[in-house]
Protein backbone atom coordinates (compact mmCIF):
# COMPACT_ATOMS: atom_id res chain seq x y z
CA MET A 1 124.01 16.33 309.32
CA ILE A 2 127.73 16.41 310.25
CA LEU A 3 129.79 19.60 309.50
CA ARG A 4 133.67 19.19 309.77
CA SER A 5 136.50 21.48 309.41
CA THR A 6 140.22 21.71 310.49
CA ARG A 7 139.37 24.99 312.05
CA VAL A 8 136.18 25.02 314.16
CA VAL A 9 135.69 27.86 316.56
CA LEU A 10 134.75 26.41 319.97
CA PRO A 11 134.37 28.28 323.32
CA ASP A 12 137.70 27.20 324.58
CA ALA A 13 139.69 26.52 321.42
CA VAL A 14 140.02 26.43 317.69
CA ARG A 15 140.73 22.90 316.47
CA PRO A 16 139.75 20.21 314.00
CA ALA A 17 136.29 19.02 314.84
CA SER A 18 133.06 17.44 313.64
CA ILE A 19 129.75 19.27 314.52
CA HIS A 20 127.07 16.67 314.84
CA ILE A 21 123.57 18.26 314.25
CA LYS A 22 120.12 16.81 314.90
CA ASP A 23 116.92 18.52 314.38
CA GLY A 24 118.43 21.84 314.19
CA VAL A 25 120.37 21.51 317.42
CA ILE A 26 124.05 20.76 317.86
CA ALA A 27 124.05 17.26 319.40
CA ARG A 28 127.62 16.89 320.16
CA ILE A 29 131.22 17.82 319.03
CA GLY A 30 133.49 14.99 317.93
CA SER A 31 136.93 14.64 316.49
CA PHE A 32 137.66 15.65 312.90
CA GLU A 33 137.71 11.98 311.86
CA GLU A 34 134.63 10.83 313.66
CA SER A 35 131.45 9.80 311.91
CA ASP A 36 127.95 8.78 312.95
CA ASP A 37 127.74 5.37 311.24
CA SER A 38 127.45 3.25 314.47
CA PRO A 39 124.59 0.65 314.50
CA ALA A 40 122.91 2.51 317.17
CA ARG A 41 122.03 5.62 315.13
CA PRO A 42 120.97 6.09 311.62
CA LYS A 43 123.55 7.75 309.34
CA LEU A 44 122.94 11.50 309.12
CA GLY A 45 123.85 13.60 305.94
CA GLU A 46 127.33 15.03 305.88
CA ARG A 47 128.72 18.26 304.40
CA PRO A 48 132.37 18.77 304.63
CA ALA A 49 134.00 22.35 304.86
CA SER A 50 136.52 23.16 302.06
CA GLU A 51 140.23 22.80 303.42
CA GLY A 52 141.27 25.88 305.32
CA TRP A 53 137.74 27.36 305.64
CA VAL A 54 136.62 28.15 309.21
CA VAL A 55 133.47 27.13 310.97
CA SER A 56 132.22 29.78 313.48
CA PRO A 57 129.16 30.44 315.40
CA GLY A 58 126.79 32.61 313.41
CA LEU A 59 127.01 36.24 314.52
CA VAL A 60 124.27 37.69 316.94
CA ASP A 61 123.73 41.35 315.96
CA THR A 62 121.89 43.03 318.77
CA HIS A 63 121.49 46.44 317.26
CA VAL A 64 119.66 46.40 314.17
CA HIS A 65 116.81 49.06 312.80
CA VAL A 66 114.66 47.01 310.44
CA ASN A 67 112.01 49.95 310.21
CA GLU A 68 109.10 47.87 309.38
CA PRO A 69 106.23 48.42 309.60
CA GLY A 70 105.86 52.08 308.82
CA ARG A 71 109.11 52.82 307.05
CA THR A 72 109.69 49.78 304.99
CA GLU A 73 111.11 51.96 302.16
CA TRP A 74 114.13 52.48 304.47
CA GLU A 75 114.71 48.72 305.02
CA GLY A 76 112.33 45.98 305.92
CA PHE A 77 112.55 42.31 307.32
CA ASP A 78 113.04 40.62 304.01
CA THR A 79 115.96 42.86 302.83
CA ALA A 80 117.61 43.11 306.35
CA THR A 81 117.61 39.46 307.02
CA ARG A 82 118.84 38.60 303.47
CA ALA A 83 121.86 40.94 304.36
CA ALA A 84 122.20 39.22 307.65
CA ALA A 85 122.42 35.77 306.13
CA ALA A 86 124.99 36.94 303.32
CA GLY A 87 127.15 38.24 306.23
CA GLY A 88 126.92 35.13 308.53
CA VAL A 89 124.54 36.76 311.02
CA THR A 90 122.24 34.05 312.16
CA THR A 91 120.32 36.16 314.76
CA ILE A 92 119.27 39.90 314.91
CA VAL A 93 117.62 41.78 317.64
CA ASP A 94 115.38 44.48 316.21
CA MET A 95 115.39 47.93 317.85
CA PRO A 96 111.99 49.45 318.75
CA LEU A 97 112.27 52.59 316.88
CA ASN A 98 112.10 53.89 313.25
CA SER A 99 109.14 51.70 312.85
CA VAL A 100 105.64 52.87 313.07
CA PRO A 101 104.39 52.37 315.71
CA SER A 102 107.43 52.05 317.84
CA THR A 103 107.70 48.98 320.03
CA THR A 104 106.54 50.63 323.25
CA THR A 105 103.27 48.58 323.84
CA VAL A 106 102.27 44.96 323.30
CA GLU A 107 99.98 46.08 320.41
CA ALA A 108 102.98 47.65 318.68
CA LEU A 109 105.13 44.58 319.26
CA GLU A 110 102.55 42.37 317.67
CA ALA A 111 102.10 44.74 314.94
CA LYS A 112 105.84 44.26 314.25
CA ARG A 113 105.55 40.59 314.60
CA THR A 114 103.10 40.32 312.10
CA ALA A 115 105.03 42.29 309.67
CA ALA A 116 107.80 39.97 310.05
CA ARG A 117 106.11 36.54 310.18
CA GLY A 118 106.85 34.48 307.23
CA ARG A 119 109.39 37.03 305.70
CA VAL A 120 112.73 36.46 307.84
CA HIS A 121 115.68 34.50 306.61
CA VAL A 122 117.39 34.39 310.04
CA ASP A 123 115.98 34.45 313.52
CA VAL A 124 114.78 37.71 314.91
CA GLY A 125 114.26 38.94 318.38
CA PHE A 126 112.81 42.28 319.54
CA TRP A 127 113.82 44.97 322.05
CA GLY A 128 111.18 47.08 323.59
CA GLY A 129 111.20 50.83 324.15
CA VAL A 130 111.24 52.98 327.33
CA VAL A 131 109.68 56.45 326.44
CA PRO A 132 108.18 58.96 328.87
CA GLY A 133 104.95 57.62 330.31
CA ASN A 134 105.16 54.02 329.30
CA ALA A 135 106.40 52.55 332.59
CA GLY A 136 102.94 50.72 333.00
CA GLU A 137 103.57 48.88 329.53
CA LEU A 138 107.09 47.37 330.67
CA ASP A 139 105.91 44.26 332.48
CA ALA A 140 103.51 43.25 329.83
CA LEU A 141 106.29 43.84 327.14
CA VAL A 142 108.59 41.40 328.92
CA ASP A 143 105.68 38.89 329.25
CA ALA A 144 105.17 39.12 325.40
CA GLY A 145 108.81 38.28 324.80
CA VAL A 146 110.92 41.46 324.33
CA ARG A 147 114.61 40.94 325.21
CA GLY A 148 115.04 43.97 327.11
CA PHE A 149 114.64 47.79 326.37
CA LYS A 150 116.22 50.65 324.65
CA CYS A 151 116.00 54.45 325.52
CA PHE A 152 117.49 57.64 324.15
CA LEU A 153 118.87 60.45 326.35
CA ALA A 154 119.26 62.65 323.31
CA PRO A 155 116.76 63.12 320.48
CA SER A 156 116.28 59.98 318.40
CA GLY A 157 115.52 61.59 315.02
CA VAL A 158 111.96 60.30 314.84
CA ASP A 159 109.10 62.00 316.74
CA GLU A 160 107.34 58.53 317.72
CA PHE A 161 110.38 57.70 320.03
CA PRO A 162 110.96 60.67 322.44
CA THR A 163 113.82 61.35 324.74
CA VAL A 164 113.79 60.24 328.55
CA ASP A 165 115.07 62.15 331.36
CA GLU A 166 116.29 60.88 334.81
CA ASP A 167 112.65 61.11 336.26
CA ASP A 168 111.39 58.80 333.34
CA LEU A 169 114.34 56.35 334.01
CA ARG A 170 113.49 56.40 337.61
CA ALA A 171 110.04 55.08 336.96
CA ALA A 172 111.40 52.38 334.60
CA LEU A 173 114.47 50.97 336.29
CA PRO A 174 112.82 49.24 339.31
CA ILE A 175 110.68 47.39 336.87
CA LEU A 176 113.50 46.26 334.77
CA ALA A 177 115.71 45.34 337.69
CA ARG A 178 112.73 43.23 339.02
CA ARG A 179 112.42 41.52 335.61
CA ASN A 180 116.21 41.08 335.13
CA VAL A 181 116.26 42.57 331.73
CA PRO A 182 118.77 45.05 330.38
CA LEU A 183 118.22 48.72 329.41
CA LEU A 184 120.23 49.66 326.32
CA VAL A 185 121.04 53.48 326.26
CA HIS A 186 121.82 55.95 323.60
CA ALA A 187 124.07 57.87 325.86
CA GLU A 188 124.58 61.49 324.87
CA ASP A 189 123.63 64.23 327.12
CA PRO A 190 121.49 66.84 325.10
CA THR A 191 122.72 69.73 327.13
CA HIS A 192 126.28 69.21 325.50
CA LEU A 193 125.03 69.20 321.92
CA THR A 194 125.06 72.13 319.84
CA GLN A 195 123.37 73.05 316.51
CA PRO A 196 125.98 72.77 313.71
CA GLY A 197 126.46 76.31 312.03
CA ASP A 198 127.54 74.80 308.58
CA PRO A 199 127.22 71.74 306.63
CA THR A 200 130.72 70.40 307.05
CA TYR A 201 131.88 67.38 308.83
CA PRO A 202 134.20 69.06 311.11
CA THR A 203 131.37 71.27 312.45
CA TYR A 204 129.10 68.33 312.87
CA LEU A 205 131.66 66.50 314.81
CA SER A 206 132.29 69.44 316.96
CA SER A 207 128.47 69.68 317.74
CA ARG A 208 128.46 66.36 319.25
CA PRO A 209 131.51 66.31 321.53
CA ALA A 210 132.92 63.54 323.61
CA SER A 211 131.72 65.40 326.65
CA ALA A 212 128.08 64.54 325.79
CA GLU A 213 128.88 60.82 325.94
CA VAL A 214 130.64 61.08 329.18
CA ALA A 215 128.04 63.06 331.02
CA ALA A 216 125.40 60.52 329.74
CA ILE A 217 127.51 57.54 330.82
CA ARG A 218 128.09 58.92 334.18
CA LEU A 219 124.32 59.32 334.67
CA MET A 220 123.66 55.71 333.80
CA ILE A 221 126.57 54.49 336.03
CA ARG A 222 124.97 56.23 338.93
CA LEU A 223 121.60 54.86 338.23
CA SER A 224 122.91 51.40 337.63
CA ARG A 225 124.56 51.41 340.84
CA GLU A 226 121.46 52.84 342.63
CA PHE A 227 118.90 50.48 341.25
CA VAL A 228 121.24 47.34 340.80
CA VAL A 229 120.01 47.09 337.17
CA HIS A 230 122.02 45.95 334.02
CA VAL A 231 122.67 48.91 331.87
CA HIS A 232 124.06 48.55 328.48
CA ILE A 233 125.70 51.58 326.62
CA VAL A 234 125.18 51.28 322.92
CA HIS A 235 127.74 52.60 320.19
CA VAL A 236 130.46 53.81 322.49
CA ALA A 237 132.46 56.15 320.27
CA CYS A 238 135.12 57.92 322.37
CA ALA A 239 138.08 57.13 324.48
CA GLU A 240 136.79 59.08 327.65
CA GLY A 241 133.62 56.83 327.63
CA VAL A 242 135.77 53.55 327.46
CA ALA A 243 137.56 54.93 330.51
CA GLU A 244 134.51 55.68 332.63
CA ILE A 245 132.95 52.29 331.76
CA ALA A 246 136.25 50.53 332.73
CA ARG A 247 136.33 52.31 336.27
CA ALA A 248 132.62 51.46 336.83
CA LYS A 249 133.18 47.78 336.07
CA ALA A 250 136.18 47.80 338.49
CA ASP A 251 133.72 49.20 340.98
CA GLY A 252 131.36 46.28 340.50
CA VAL A 253 128.61 48.40 338.63
CA ARG A 254 126.30 46.35 336.51
CA ILE A 255 127.05 47.73 333.05
CA THR A 256 128.13 46.38 329.78
CA ALA A 257 128.98 48.35 326.56
CA GLU A 258 129.37 47.94 322.73
CA THR A 259 131.09 49.81 319.89
CA CYS A 260 130.32 49.40 316.12
CA PRO A 261 132.24 48.42 313.11
CA HIS A 262 132.33 51.84 311.68
CA TYR A 263 134.12 53.34 314.80
CA LEU A 264 136.70 50.62 314.66
CA THR A 265 137.45 51.02 310.92
CA PHE A 266 137.20 54.75 310.00
CA ALA A 267 138.57 57.88 311.79
CA ALA A 268 137.47 61.54 311.27
CA ASP A 269 140.42 62.17 308.87
CA ASP A 270 138.84 59.64 306.43
CA ILE A 271 135.79 61.77 305.90
CA ARG A 272 136.26 64.08 302.96
CA GLY A 273 134.20 66.89 301.52
CA GLY A 274 130.42 66.02 301.68
CA ALA A 275 130.51 62.36 302.27
CA THR A 276 127.48 62.16 304.25
CA GLU A 277 127.40 58.30 304.22
CA PHE A 278 129.75 58.55 307.02
CA LYS A 279 127.19 60.32 309.30
CA CYS A 280 126.11 58.68 312.45
CA ALA A 281 125.35 59.56 316.11
CA PRO A 282 127.62 59.66 318.11
CA PRO A 283 130.01 60.82 315.22
CA ILE A 284 133.07 58.99 314.03
CA ARG A 285 135.87 60.79 315.91
CA GLU A 286 139.66 61.11 315.59
CA ARG A 287 142.10 58.31 315.41
CA ARG A 288 142.93 58.30 319.13
CA HIS A 289 139.40 57.40 319.76
CA ARG A 290 139.41 54.55 317.40
CA ASP A 291 142.63 53.21 319.05
CA ALA A 292 140.81 53.54 322.48
CA LEU A 293 137.82 51.58 321.37
CA ARG A 294 140.04 48.77 319.81
CA ALA A 295 141.88 48.69 323.17
CA GLY A 296 138.80 48.73 325.10
CA LEU A 297 137.41 45.62 323.30
CA GLN A 298 140.83 43.85 324.01
CA SER A 299 140.85 44.85 327.78
CA GLY A 300 137.05 43.92 328.34
CA ALA A 301 136.00 47.35 329.03
CA LEU A 302 133.85 47.16 325.95
CA ASP A 303 131.99 43.76 325.75
CA LEU A 304 130.81 43.38 322.13
CA VAL A 305 130.53 44.73 318.61
CA ALA A 306 127.04 45.41 317.11
CA THR A 307 126.38 47.33 313.88
CA ASP A 308 123.79 49.91 314.67
CA HIS A 309 122.60 49.10 311.18
CA SER A 310 120.46 52.14 310.66
CA PRO A 311 119.62 52.58 306.79
CA ALA A 312 117.59 55.19 304.99
CA PRO A 313 116.78 56.06 301.37
CA PRO A 314 119.83 57.71 299.69
CA GLY A 315 118.05 60.94 299.28
CA MET A 316 117.80 61.26 303.12
CA LYS A 317 121.56 61.30 303.22
CA CYS A 318 121.61 64.69 301.62
CA PRO A 319 124.94 64.64 300.01
CA GLY A 320 127.17 67.46 301.02
CA ASP A 321 125.03 68.53 304.07
CA PHE A 322 125.93 66.96 307.29
CA MET A 323 123.51 69.13 309.16
CA LYS A 324 120.36 67.85 307.08
CA ALA A 325 121.48 64.36 306.35
CA TRP A 326 120.09 61.37 308.12
CA GLY A 327 122.43 59.86 310.76
CA GLY A 328 122.96 56.17 310.20
CA ILE A 329 125.25 53.62 308.66
CA ALA A 330 123.85 50.38 307.21
CA SER A 331 126.57 47.53 307.66
CA LEU A 332 124.76 44.32 308.71
CA GLU A 333 126.25 42.33 305.76
CA LEU A 334 129.83 43.64 306.19
CA SER A 335 130.31 43.60 309.95
CA ARG A 336 132.25 40.37 310.28
CA SER A 337 134.71 41.46 307.54
CA ALA A 338 135.06 45.04 308.75
CA VAL A 339 135.84 43.76 312.29
CA TRP A 340 138.00 40.89 311.10
CA THR A 341 140.22 43.15 308.84
CA GLY A 342 140.89 45.42 311.73
CA ILE A 343 142.00 42.87 314.31
CA ALA A 344 145.67 43.28 314.88
CA PRO A 345 147.97 40.63 313.64
CA GLY A 346 148.81 37.79 315.80
CA ASP A 347 147.92 34.26 316.68
CA PRO A 348 144.93 33.61 314.29
CA ARG A 349 143.47 31.09 316.51
CA HIS A 350 143.19 33.54 319.27
CA ALA A 351 141.76 36.23 316.82
CA LEU A 352 139.17 33.87 315.64
CA ARG A 353 137.99 33.06 319.36
CA THR A 354 138.07 36.83 320.01
CA LEU A 355 135.93 37.54 317.08
CA ALA A 356 133.31 34.94 318.24
CA ARG A 357 133.34 36.26 321.71
CA TRP A 358 132.81 39.95 320.43
CA MET A 359 130.08 39.31 317.83
CA SER A 360 128.34 35.97 318.73
CA GLU A 361 128.88 34.91 322.45
CA ALA A 362 128.61 38.31 324.14
CA PRO A 363 125.73 39.82 322.26
CA ALA A 364 123.71 36.60 322.74
CA ALA A 365 124.30 36.83 326.38
CA LEU A 366 123.09 40.54 326.45
CA ALA A 367 119.74 39.43 324.60
CA GLY A 368 119.21 36.60 327.05
CA LEU A 369 119.92 34.00 324.37
CA GLY A 370 123.23 32.63 325.76
CA ALA A 371 121.89 29.35 326.32
CA ARG A 372 120.96 28.47 322.74
CA LYS A 373 122.96 31.09 320.44
CA GLY A 374 126.45 32.43 319.85
CA ARG A 375 128.36 29.24 320.64
CA ILE A 376 129.44 26.04 319.09
CA ALA A 377 128.34 23.70 321.89
CA SER A 378 126.19 20.86 322.65
CA GLY A 379 122.46 21.90 323.08
CA CYS A 380 122.99 25.13 321.23
CA ASP A 381 121.18 25.90 318.11
CA ALA A 382 123.21 24.92 315.05
CA ASP A 383 123.56 28.50 313.86
CA LEU A 384 126.87 28.39 311.80
CA VAL A 385 128.93 30.04 309.19
CA VAL A 386 131.52 28.66 307.11
CA TRP A 387 133.80 31.39 305.84
CA ASP A 388 137.36 32.03 304.51
CA PRO A 389 139.31 34.36 306.75
CA ASP A 390 142.06 34.86 304.35
CA VAL A 391 140.53 35.94 301.01
CA GLU A 392 140.62 39.80 300.53
CA TRP A 393 137.88 41.44 298.47
CA THR A 394 136.60 44.94 297.66
CA VAL A 395 133.26 46.14 298.59
CA ASP A 396 130.89 46.53 295.52
CA PRO A 397 127.73 48.30 296.85
CA SER A 398 125.56 46.88 293.97
CA ARG A 399 126.03 43.38 295.17
CA LEU A 400 124.92 44.13 298.83
CA GLN A 401 121.69 42.59 299.97
CA GLN A 402 120.54 45.59 302.00
CA ARG A 403 117.55 47.75 300.54
CA HIS A 404 119.71 50.69 299.71
CA LYS A 405 123.24 50.29 298.58
CA LEU A 406 124.91 53.58 299.84
CA THR A 407 127.75 52.62 302.17
CA PRO A 408 131.00 54.16 303.47
CA TYR A 409 132.62 50.90 302.77
CA ALA A 410 132.27 51.28 298.93
CA GLY A 411 135.48 50.47 297.32
CA ARG A 412 137.18 49.32 300.51
CA ALA A 413 139.39 46.23 300.62
CA LEU A 414 138.06 43.84 303.46
CA ARG A 415 139.27 40.44 304.57
CA GLY A 416 137.35 37.42 305.15
CA ALA A 417 134.30 36.07 303.00
CA VAL A 418 131.15 34.13 303.99
CA ARG A 419 130.65 30.85 301.98
CA VAL A 420 127.82 29.25 303.81
CA THR A 421 125.42 30.36 306.51
CA TYR A 422 123.46 27.75 308.51
CA VAL A 423 120.35 28.83 310.77
CA ARG A 424 119.49 25.91 313.15
CA GLY A 425 121.16 23.22 310.75
CA GLU A 426 119.36 24.60 307.57
CA ARG A 427 121.54 26.01 304.83
CA VAL A 428 120.15 29.47 304.04
CA TRP A 429 122.96 31.24 302.29
CA ASP A 430 125.37 29.41 299.97
CA ASP A 431 127.97 30.66 297.51
CA GLY A 432 126.32 34.26 297.08
CA GLU A 433 122.73 33.01 297.04
CA LEU A 434 119.72 32.70 299.58
CA VAL A 435 118.85 29.01 299.11
CA ARG A 436 116.24 28.73 301.70
CA PRO A 437 113.92 31.79 302.09
CA ALA A 438 111.97 32.67 304.94
CA SER A 439 113.51 29.84 307.21
CA GLY A 440 114.14 32.28 310.20
CA ARG A 441 111.99 32.33 313.36
CA LEU A 442 110.55 34.96 315.51
CA LEU A 443 112.27 34.51 318.96
């Protein structure tokens, strides 16, 4: 197949090009006019992109809670990967918790793979978990194919995935350094957290202060430096955290970090009354933090954007009570549009490359998939999304593919709409419909 557009987002440029695909892999990049009708090769199928539509690398979302098996009523591999395909996400990496069992042993990993097999519409990888007492399982989990590990310094919200302390980390980090895989860290110091006194958002926000993030990030910087291990801070939400990470990078510490679409889109002032659909941890903070996160991405202090897609049944969001509500925002399908809408005006070609770096190339590299995912380049999987960056649309929750439709984006105007999603050259989403079910693979 040949896919061509006047705007193809390549690693070094956005330009007219033709993408030549063979057996699910990008064989080469040619000029816009070039065809494959030479006598040396059989003529391949060809599908033009509409004039003005962009062809970008599919998104790689490295922070997705699928929750299956065990809590499939919260989400599940079928609905999560439908949402991914609809949003131009061609690879997800599933978090080890909120499923039962959590992915802290090889047996648990195989239970998750069994639940996923034959039911995924995009490619799926898996993180393992670091919890107290499972250091002896980590080598076997790497051998079994996990892309790295996740841990929580503050309570995770589920009993099956307990918090680790510095002693637990000291047992695990030498193993991760030797195997050269990252540790993804929910970085909030529990000694800085307080119990909310009333169910309002201002009280919830004050119960999880920025100081909790800063203290935890400082701990992980110290341990990363000591063990020479790749530490990745997930869902950075505060300006002070960005500054700590920037200083550590300047000092040569092996640390990377992400933020999420909701921290880049919303601010605490946007959260009215009992709108618990906005609850997450760390919380959405004041506007100065949002501005610092945007600047941190532009400067390189923050490396990527991932969703932290963390759904739950609507009843668990306990409308009106931020103290009792489940903390998690489901945005897998909306992530591209949410981030694209927030990118500052400027050279659109630069913005397209920036989006691809934050949401395709950098997360693929984090998960050890950079040789085959996240770029439009010869030898990479033909994971591609055709989208219209200029159209504006309003989020209608009833049309979302995720299992439960509650979203803080409801009624919000966003820019950029996915038209076609390809996974390894196969058209899986086209014009609002899943056209090739269960075509994803387990990585």
